[in-house]
């Protein structure tokens, strides 16, 4: 079913599991993720990444990433990564109780900037280099263009 929505054969051959995708992400990586509130944010890869981070933490290895989104997301992203102790910096907005608890305890850095400023801050390099973008899409067209879900 997934490959029927990926009409570009080169990109269809690059489909991988959430665990394989999460394995590409290193500690201290900056990740932009799609979504706005409970809509259009990636679910499977952040959960797989949270499991990977939890495993690293159990082995005594620090593993955290920086997360940039358009707004708050849901429990599969903010909640899972916060509970794993996997978020170093979160911006620009969040509404997850576990994330809020860790921010208020000083366990997670947080930049409360207006949503409309994030793209410009990233584009101008104020926040450093963005390493990955995880974007929920409905399809990929023959020419490689993405068809966003409610993620954009």
N, C-alpha and C. Protein backbone atom coordinates (compact mmCIF):
# COMPACT_ATOMS: atom_id res chain seq x y z
N UNK A 1 0.82 -1.19 0.00
CA UNK A 1 0.00 0.00 0.00
C UNK A 1 0.86 1.26 0.00
N UNK A 2 1.93 1.27 0.79
CA UNK A 2 2.80 2.44 0.83
C UNK A 2 3.41 2.74 -0.53
N UNK A 3 3.92 1.70 -1.20
CA UNK A 3 4.60 1.94 -2.47
C UNK A 3 3.63 2.38 -3.56
N UNK A 4 2.33 2.11 -3.41
CA UNK A 4 1.37 2.57 -4.41
C UNK A 4 1.20 4.09 -4.36
N UNK A 5 1.63 4.72 -3.29
CA UNK A 5 1.56 6.17 -3.16
C UNK A 5 2.89 6.83 -3.51
N UNK A 6 3.91 6.03 -3.80
CA UNK A 6 5.23 6.55 -4.17
C UNK A 6 5.41 6.24 -5.65
N UNK A 7 5.19 7.23 -6.48
CA UNK A 7 5.17 7.04 -7.93
C UNK A 7 6.54 7.23 -8.57
N UNK A 8 7.52 7.69 -7.81
CA UNK A 8 8.88 7.84 -8.31
C UNK A 8 9.63 6.55 -7.97
N UNK A 9 10.05 5.78 -8.98
CA UNK A 9 10.68 4.47 -8.70
C UNK A 9 11.97 4.56 -7.91
N UNK A 10 12.75 5.58 -8.12
CA UNK A 10 14.01 5.72 -7.36
C UNK A 10 13.71 5.90 -5.88
N UNK A 11 12.74 6.76 -5.57
CA UNK A 11 12.38 6.99 -4.17
C UNK A 11 11.63 5.80 -3.59
N UNK A 12 10.85 5.09 -4.39
CA UNK A 12 10.15 3.89 -3.91
C UNK A 12 11.15 2.83 -3.45
N UNK A 13 12.31 2.77 -4.10
CA UNK A 13 13.34 1.80 -3.72
C UNK A 13 14.06 2.19 -2.43
N UNK A 14 13.81 3.38 -1.93
CA UNK A 14 14.49 3.84 -0.71
C UNK A 14 13.60 3.71 0.53
N UNK A 15 12.42 3.13 0.37
CA UNK A 15 11.52 2.95 1.51
C UNK A 15 12.18 2.03 2.52
N UNK A 16 12.07 2.40 3.79
CA UNK A 16 12.66 1.60 4.87
C UNK A 16 11.73 1.62 6.06
N UNK A 17 11.99 0.78 7.01
CA UNK A 17 11.18 0.73 8.23
C UNK A 17 11.49 1.95 9.10
N UNK A 18 10.62 2.20 10.05
CA UNK A 18 10.85 3.29 11.00
C UNK A 18 12.13 3.06 11.79
N UNK A 19 12.39 1.81 12.13
CA UNK A 19 13.61 1.49 12.88
C UNK A 19 14.87 1.76 12.06
N UNK A 20 14.82 1.43 10.77
CA UNK A 20 15.96 1.70 9.89
C UNK A 20 16.18 3.20 9.74
N UNK A 21 15.10 3.95 9.61
CA UNK A 21 15.22 5.41 9.50
C UNK A 21 15.76 6.00 10.79
N UNK A 22 15.26 5.54 11.92
CA UNK A 22 15.74 6.05 13.22
C UNK A 22 17.22 5.73 13.42
N UNK A 23 17.68 4.63 12.87
CA UNK A 23 19.08 4.24 13.01
C UNK A 23 20.02 5.20 12.28
N UNK A 24 19.50 5.97 11.34
CA UNK A 24 20.32 6.95 10.62
C UNK A 24 20.57 8.21 11.43
N UNK A 25 19.81 8.40 12.49
CA UNK A 25 19.86 9.64 13.28
C UNK A 25 20.85 9.47 14.42
N UNK A 26 21.82 10.36 14.47
CA UNK A 26 22.84 10.34 15.52
C UNK A 26 22.47 11.29 16.65
N UNK A 27 23.11 11.11 17.78
CA UNK A 27 22.94 12.04 18.89
C UNK A 27 23.40 13.42 18.46
N UNK A 28 22.81 14.45 19.02
CA UNK A 28 23.10 15.86 18.75
C UNK A 28 22.65 16.30 17.35
N UNK A 29 21.79 15.52 16.73
CA UNK A 29 21.23 15.86 15.43
C UNK A 29 20.11 16.88 15.61
N UNK A 30 19.98 17.77 14.63
CA UNK A 30 18.87 18.73 14.62
C UNK A 30 17.85 18.25 13.60
N UNK A 31 16.61 18.07 14.07
CA UNK A 31 15.57 17.49 13.23
C UNK A 31 14.38 18.44 13.15
N UNK A 32 14.01 18.79 11.93
CA UNK A 32 12.77 19.51 11.70
C UNK A 32 11.69 18.50 11.43
N UNK A 33 10.55 18.66 12.08
CA UNK A 33 9.44 17.73 11.88
C UNK A 33 8.18 18.50 11.53
N UNK A 34 7.40 17.90 10.63
CA UNK A 34 6.16 18.53 10.21
C UNK A 34 5.11 18.40 11.31
N UNK A 35 4.04 19.12 11.09
CA UNK A 35 2.90 18.97 11.98
C UNK A 35 2.47 20.26 12.62
N UNK A 36 1.24 20.25 13.00
CA UNK A 36 0.65 21.37 13.72
C UNK A 36 -0.44 20.78 14.60
N UNK A 37 -0.25 20.84 15.87
CA UNK A 37 -1.07 20.18 16.89
C UNK A 37 -1.11 18.69 16.58
N UNK A 38 -2.26 18.07 16.65
CA UNK A 38 -2.34 16.62 16.46
C UNK A 38 -2.43 16.20 15.01
N UNK A 39 -2.04 17.06 14.10
CA UNK A 39 -2.26 16.79 12.69
C UNK A 39 -0.96 16.84 11.90
N UNK A 40 -0.72 15.84 11.08
CA UNK A 40 0.36 15.89 10.11
C UNK A 40 1.76 15.74 10.64
N UNK A 41 1.93 15.27 11.85
CA UNK A 41 3.29 15.06 12.36
C UNK A 41 3.69 13.60 12.17
N UNK A 42 4.98 13.31 12.02
CA UNK A 42 5.41 11.92 11.87
C UNK A 42 5.19 11.16 13.17
N UNK A 43 4.79 9.92 13.05
CA UNK A 43 4.50 9.12 14.24
C UNK A 43 5.45 7.96 14.44
N UNK A 44 5.70 7.18 13.41
CA UNK A 44 6.47 5.94 13.57
C UNK A 44 7.96 6.18 13.80
N UNK A 45 8.58 7.07 13.05
CA UNK A 45 10.02 7.29 13.22
C UNK A 45 10.34 7.89 14.59
N UNK A 46 9.59 8.90 15.07
CA UNK A 46 9.88 9.39 16.42
C UNK A 46 9.75 8.31 17.50
N UNK A 47 8.76 7.42 17.36
CA UNK A 47 8.63 6.32 18.33
C UNK A 47 9.83 5.38 18.26
N UNK A 48 10.27 5.06 17.05
CA UNK A 48 11.45 4.20 16.89
C UNK A 48 12.69 4.90 17.44
N UNK A 49 12.80 6.20 17.20
CA UNK A 49 13.93 6.96 17.73
C UNK A 49 13.90 6.98 19.25
N UNK A 50 12.72 7.14 19.84
CA UNK A 50 12.59 7.14 21.30
C UNK A 50 13.05 5.80 21.88
N UNK A 51 12.70 4.70 21.22
CA UNK A 51 13.16 3.39 21.68
C UNK A 51 14.68 3.29 21.59
N UNK A 52 15.24 3.79 20.52
CA UNK A 52 16.70 3.77 20.34
C UNK A 52 17.40 4.61 21.40
N UNK A 53 16.84 5.78 21.70
CA UNK A 53 17.40 6.65 22.73
C UNK A 53 17.30 5.99 24.10
N UNK A 54 16.15 5.38 24.40
CA UNK A 54 15.99 4.69 25.69
C UNK A 54 17.03 3.59 25.85
N UNK A 55 17.25 2.82 24.78
CA UNK A 55 18.26 1.75 24.83
C UNK A 55 19.65 2.32 25.09
N UNK A 56 19.98 3.43 24.43
CA UNK A 56 21.29 4.06 24.64
C UNK A 56 21.42 4.54 26.08
N UNK A 57 20.37 5.17 26.59
CA UNK A 57 20.41 5.67 27.97
C UNK A 57 20.56 4.54 28.98
N UNK A 58 19.92 3.40 28.71
CA UNK A 58 20.07 2.25 29.61
C UNK A 58 21.50 1.73 29.62
N UNK A 59 22.22 1.92 28.53
CA UNK A 59 23.64 1.52 28.44
C UNK A 59 24.56 2.62 28.94
N UNK A 60 23.99 3.72 29.46
CA UNK A 60 24.79 4.80 30.01
C UNK A 60 25.34 5.75 28.97
N UNK A 61 24.80 5.73 27.77
CA UNK A 61 25.27 6.62 26.71
C UNK A 61 24.26 7.75 26.51
N UNK A 62 24.74 8.97 26.57
CA UNK A 62 23.87 10.13 26.34
C UNK A 62 23.47 10.17 24.87
N UNK A 63 22.19 10.32 24.62
CA UNK A 63 21.67 10.41 23.26
C UNK A 63 20.50 11.38 23.29
N UNK A 64 20.70 12.55 22.71
CA UNK A 64 19.64 13.55 22.63
C UNK A 64 19.68 14.22 21.27
N UNK A 65 18.54 14.73 20.86
CA UNK A 65 18.42 15.46 19.60
C UNK A 65 17.70 16.78 19.86
N UNK A 66 17.83 17.69 18.90
CA UNK A 66 17.09 18.94 18.94
C UNK A 66 15.91 18.81 17.99
N UNK A 67 14.74 19.24 18.43
CA UNK A 67 13.51 19.09 17.66
C UNK A 67 12.91 20.45 17.36
N UNK A 68 12.69 20.73 16.06
CA UNK A 68 12.02 21.95 15.61
C UNK A 68 10.75 21.52 14.89
N UNK A 69 9.63 22.10 15.26
CA UNK A 69 8.36 21.81 14.58
C UNK A 69 7.65 23.12 14.28
N UNK A 70 6.50 23.01 13.64
CA UNK A 70 5.69 24.19 13.37
C UNK A 70 4.88 24.60 14.57
N UNK A 71 4.58 23.66 15.44
CA UNK A 71 3.79 23.93 16.64
C UNK A 71 3.87 22.69 17.52
N UNK A 72 2.90 22.54 18.39
CA UNK A 72 2.87 21.35 19.22
C UNK A 72 2.58 20.14 18.34
N UNK A 73 2.92 18.98 18.84
CA UNK A 73 2.64 17.74 18.12
C UNK A 73 1.87 16.82 19.06
N UNK A 74 2.06 15.53 18.92
CA UNK A 74 1.33 14.59 19.75
C UNK A 74 2.24 13.70 20.56
N UNK A 75 1.63 12.75 21.26
CA UNK A 75 2.40 11.90 22.18
C UNK A 75 3.43 11.01 21.49
N UNK A 76 3.20 10.67 20.22
CA UNK A 76 4.17 9.81 19.52
C UNK A 76 5.46 10.56 19.20
N UNK A 77 5.43 11.88 19.28
CA UNK A 77 6.63 12.66 18.99
C UNK A 77 7.14 13.29 20.29
N UNK A 78 6.53 14.37 20.73
CA UNK A 78 7.00 15.06 21.94
C UNK A 78 6.99 14.15 23.16
N UNK A 79 5.88 13.47 23.39
CA UNK A 79 5.76 12.65 24.59
C UNK A 79 6.78 11.52 24.64
N UNK A 80 6.87 10.76 23.56
CA UNK A 80 7.78 9.61 23.53
C UNK A 80 9.24 10.04 23.65
N UNK A 81 9.62 11.07 22.92
CA UNK A 81 11.02 11.52 22.97
C UNK A 81 11.35 12.15 24.32
N UNK A 82 10.41 12.88 24.91
CA UNK A 82 10.65 13.47 26.24
C UNK A 82 10.78 12.38 27.30
N UNK A 83 9.89 11.39 27.27
CA UNK A 83 9.96 10.32 28.26
C UNK A 83 11.24 9.52 28.14
N UNK A 84 11.80 9.44 26.95
CA UNK A 84 13.07 8.74 26.75
C UNK A 84 14.26 9.60 27.17
N UNK A 85 14.01 10.86 27.53
CA UNK A 85 15.11 11.77 27.85
C UNK A 85 15.88 12.18 26.62
N UNK A 86 15.21 12.16 25.46
CA UNK A 86 15.91 12.31 24.20
C UNK A 86 15.92 13.69 23.57
N UNK A 87 15.28 14.67 24.21
CA UNK A 87 15.26 16.00 23.61
C UNK A 87 16.18 16.93 24.38
N UNK A 88 17.14 17.49 23.67
CA UNK A 88 18.04 18.49 24.25
C UNK A 88 17.41 19.87 24.13
N UNK A 89 16.96 20.23 22.93
CA UNK A 89 16.36 21.53 22.66
C UNK A 89 15.06 21.32 21.91
N UNK A 90 14.01 22.00 22.36
CA UNK A 90 12.71 21.93 21.70
C UNK A 90 12.26 23.35 21.38
N UNK A 91 11.78 23.54 20.17
CA UNK A 91 11.20 24.82 19.80
C UNK A 91 10.18 24.62 18.71
N UNK A 92 9.28 25.52 18.47
CA UNK A 92 9.02 26.77 19.13
C UNK A 92 7.87 26.67 20.12
N UNK A 93 7.10 25.62 20.08
CA UNK A 93 5.91 25.53 20.90
C UNK A 93 5.65 24.06 21.16
N UNK A 94 5.14 23.78 22.32
CA UNK A 94 4.77 22.41 22.64
C UNK A 94 3.66 22.43 23.69
N UNK A 95 2.93 21.35 23.77
CA UNK A 95 1.85 21.28 24.75
C UNK A 95 1.83 19.93 25.48
N UNK A 96 2.90 19.18 25.35
CA UNK A 96 2.97 17.86 25.97
C UNK A 96 3.32 17.98 27.45
N UNK A 97 2.59 17.31 28.33
CA UNK A 97 2.86 17.42 29.78
C UNK A 97 4.25 16.94 30.19
N UNK A 98 4.74 15.85 29.61
CA UNK A 98 6.07 15.34 29.97
C UNK A 98 7.16 16.31 29.50
N UNK A 99 6.99 16.86 28.31
CA UNK A 99 7.94 17.84 27.79
C UNK A 99 7.96 19.07 28.68
N UNK A 100 6.78 19.56 29.03
CA UNK A 100 6.67 20.74 29.90
C UNK A 100 7.34 20.49 31.25
N UNK A 101 7.12 19.29 31.82
CA UNK A 101 7.74 18.94 33.10
C UNK A 101 9.26 18.99 33.01
N UNK A 102 9.81 18.46 31.93
CA UNK A 102 11.27 18.42 31.78
C UNK A 102 11.85 19.81 31.49
N UNK A 103 11.11 20.63 30.75
CA UNK A 103 11.55 22.01 30.52
C UNK A 103 11.60 22.75 31.84
N UNK A 104 10.53 22.66 32.62
CA UNK A 104 10.45 23.37 33.90
C UNK A 104 11.46 22.86 34.92
N UNK A 105 11.87 21.60 34.79
CA UNK A 105 12.88 21.03 35.69
C UNK A 105 14.30 21.35 35.23
N UNK A 106 14.45 22.02 34.08
CA UNK A 106 15.77 22.35 33.57
C UNK A 106 16.46 21.18 32.90
N UNK A 107 15.72 20.12 32.57
CA UNK A 107 16.29 18.94 31.92
C UNK A 107 16.28 19.04 30.40
N UNK A 108 15.60 20.05 29.88
CA UNK A 108 15.46 20.22 28.44
C UNK A 108 15.48 21.72 28.14
N UNK A 109 16.27 22.11 27.15
CA UNK A 109 16.28 23.51 26.73
C UNK A 109 15.06 23.78 25.86
N UNK A 110 14.61 25.01 25.90
CA UNK A 110 13.39 25.37 25.17
C UNK A 110 13.51 26.81 24.70
N UNK A 111 13.17 27.05 23.44
CA UNK A 111 13.12 28.41 22.90
C UNK A 111 11.68 28.73 22.56
N UNK A 112 11.13 29.68 23.27
CA UNK A 112 9.74 30.07 23.07
C UNK A 112 9.71 31.24 22.09
N UNK A 113 9.91 30.93 20.82
CA UNK A 113 9.83 31.96 19.79
C UNK A 113 8.52 31.77 19.04
N UNK A 114 8.07 32.81 18.40
CA UNK A 114 6.81 32.72 17.67
C UNK A 114 6.94 31.73 16.52
N UNK A 115 5.86 31.00 16.28
CA UNK A 115 5.85 29.98 15.23
C UNK A 115 6.31 30.53 13.89
N UNK A 116 5.91 31.74 13.59
CA UNK A 116 6.21 32.32 12.27
C UNK A 116 7.69 32.64 12.09
N UNK A 117 8.47 32.61 13.15
CA UNK A 117 9.89 32.96 13.08
C UNK A 117 10.80 31.74 12.87
N UNK A 118 10.29 30.55 13.09
CA UNK A 118 11.15 29.36 13.05
C UNK A 118 11.78 29.17 11.68
N UNK A 119 10.98 29.19 10.62
CA UNK A 119 11.52 28.95 9.28
C UNK A 119 12.61 29.95 8.94
N UNK A 120 12.40 31.21 9.27
CA UNK A 120 13.41 32.24 8.98
C UNK A 120 14.67 32.01 9.81
N UNK A 121 14.52 31.65 11.09
CA UNK A 121 15.68 31.38 11.94
C UNK A 121 16.49 30.21 11.38
N UNK A 122 15.80 29.17 10.91
CA UNK A 122 16.49 28.01 10.33
C UNK A 122 17.16 28.42 9.01
N UNK A 123 16.41 29.12 8.16
CA UNK A 123 16.92 29.52 6.85
C UNK A 123 18.16 30.41 6.98
N UNK A 124 18.17 31.31 7.93
CA UNK A 124 19.31 32.21 8.12
C UNK A 124 20.46 31.57 8.90
N UNK A 125 20.25 30.36 9.40
CA UNK A 125 21.32 29.66 10.11
C UNK A 125 21.47 30.06 11.56
N UNK A 126 20.51 30.80 12.11
CA UNK A 126 20.60 31.23 13.51
C UNK A 126 20.62 30.06 14.48
N UNK A 127 20.04 28.95 14.07
CA UNK A 127 19.93 27.78 14.95
C UNK A 127 20.89 26.66 14.56
N UNK A 128 21.79 26.95 13.65
CA UNK A 128 22.70 25.93 13.15
C UNK A 128 22.09 25.17 11.99
N UNK A 129 22.79 24.17 11.56
CA UNK A 129 22.38 23.38 10.40
C UNK A 129 21.28 22.38 10.79
N UNK A 130 20.25 22.33 9.98
CA UNK A 130 19.21 21.32 10.15
C UNK A 130 19.70 20.04 9.47
N UNK A 131 19.76 18.94 10.22
CA UNK A 131 20.31 17.70 9.69
C UNK A 131 19.28 16.86 8.94
N UNK A 132 18.08 16.79 9.46
CA UNK A 132 17.02 15.98 8.85
C UNK A 132 15.70 16.72 8.92
N UNK A 133 14.83 16.38 7.99
CA UNK A 133 13.44 16.82 8.04
C UNK A 133 12.57 15.58 7.93
N UNK A 134 11.72 15.37 8.90
CA UNK A 134 10.75 14.28 8.88
C UNK A 134 9.39 14.90 8.58
N UNK A 135 8.85 14.58 7.42
CA UNK A 135 7.63 15.22 6.95
C UNK A 135 6.60 14.16 6.60
N UNK A 136 5.42 14.29 7.15
CA UNK A 136 4.34 13.37 6.78
C UNK A 136 3.76 13.82 5.45
N UNK A 137 3.74 12.90 4.50
CA UNK A 137 3.18 13.20 3.18
C UNK A 137 2.17 12.11 2.81
N UNK A 138 1.27 12.46 1.91
CA UNK A 138 0.25 11.50 1.43
C UNK A 138 0.76 10.71 0.23
N UNK A 139 1.64 11.33 -0.54
CA UNK A 139 2.17 10.66 -1.73
C UNK A 139 3.43 11.36 -2.20
N UNK A 140 4.16 10.66 -3.08
CA UNK A 140 5.31 11.23 -3.79
C UNK A 140 5.03 11.04 -5.27
N UNK A 141 5.04 12.14 -6.01
CA UNK A 141 4.71 12.09 -7.44
C UNK A 141 5.88 11.57 -8.26
N UNK A 142 5.62 11.31 -9.54
CA UNK A 142 6.62 10.75 -10.43
C UNK A 142 7.90 11.58 -10.48
N UNK A 143 7.75 12.90 -10.43
CA UNK A 143 8.92 13.79 -10.51
C UNK A 143 9.57 14.05 -9.16
N UNK A 144 9.09 13.38 -8.11
CA UNK A 144 9.69 13.51 -6.78
C UNK A 144 9.04 14.56 -5.89
N UNK A 145 8.08 15.31 -6.44
CA UNK A 145 7.40 16.29 -5.58
C UNK A 145 6.58 15.58 -4.53
N UNK A 146 6.53 16.20 -3.34
CA UNK A 146 5.80 15.64 -2.21
C UNK A 146 4.38 16.19 -2.18
N UNK A 147 3.43 15.34 -1.87
CA UNK A 147 2.05 15.74 -1.65
C UNK A 147 1.83 15.71 -0.14
N UNK A 148 1.82 16.89 0.49
CA UNK A 148 1.70 16.91 1.95
C UNK A 148 0.33 16.43 2.42
N UNK A 149 0.35 15.85 3.60
CA UNK A 149 -0.92 15.56 4.26
C UNK A 149 -1.35 16.89 4.88
N UNK A 150 -1.94 16.87 6.02
CA UNK A 150 -2.27 18.13 6.69
C UNK A 150 -1.05 18.68 7.42
N UNK A 151 0.13 18.20 7.03
CA UNK A 151 1.37 18.52 7.72
C UNK A 151 1.92 19.91 7.42
N UNK A 152 1.49 20.54 6.36
CA UNK A 152 2.06 21.85 6.02
C UNK A 152 1.01 22.92 6.02
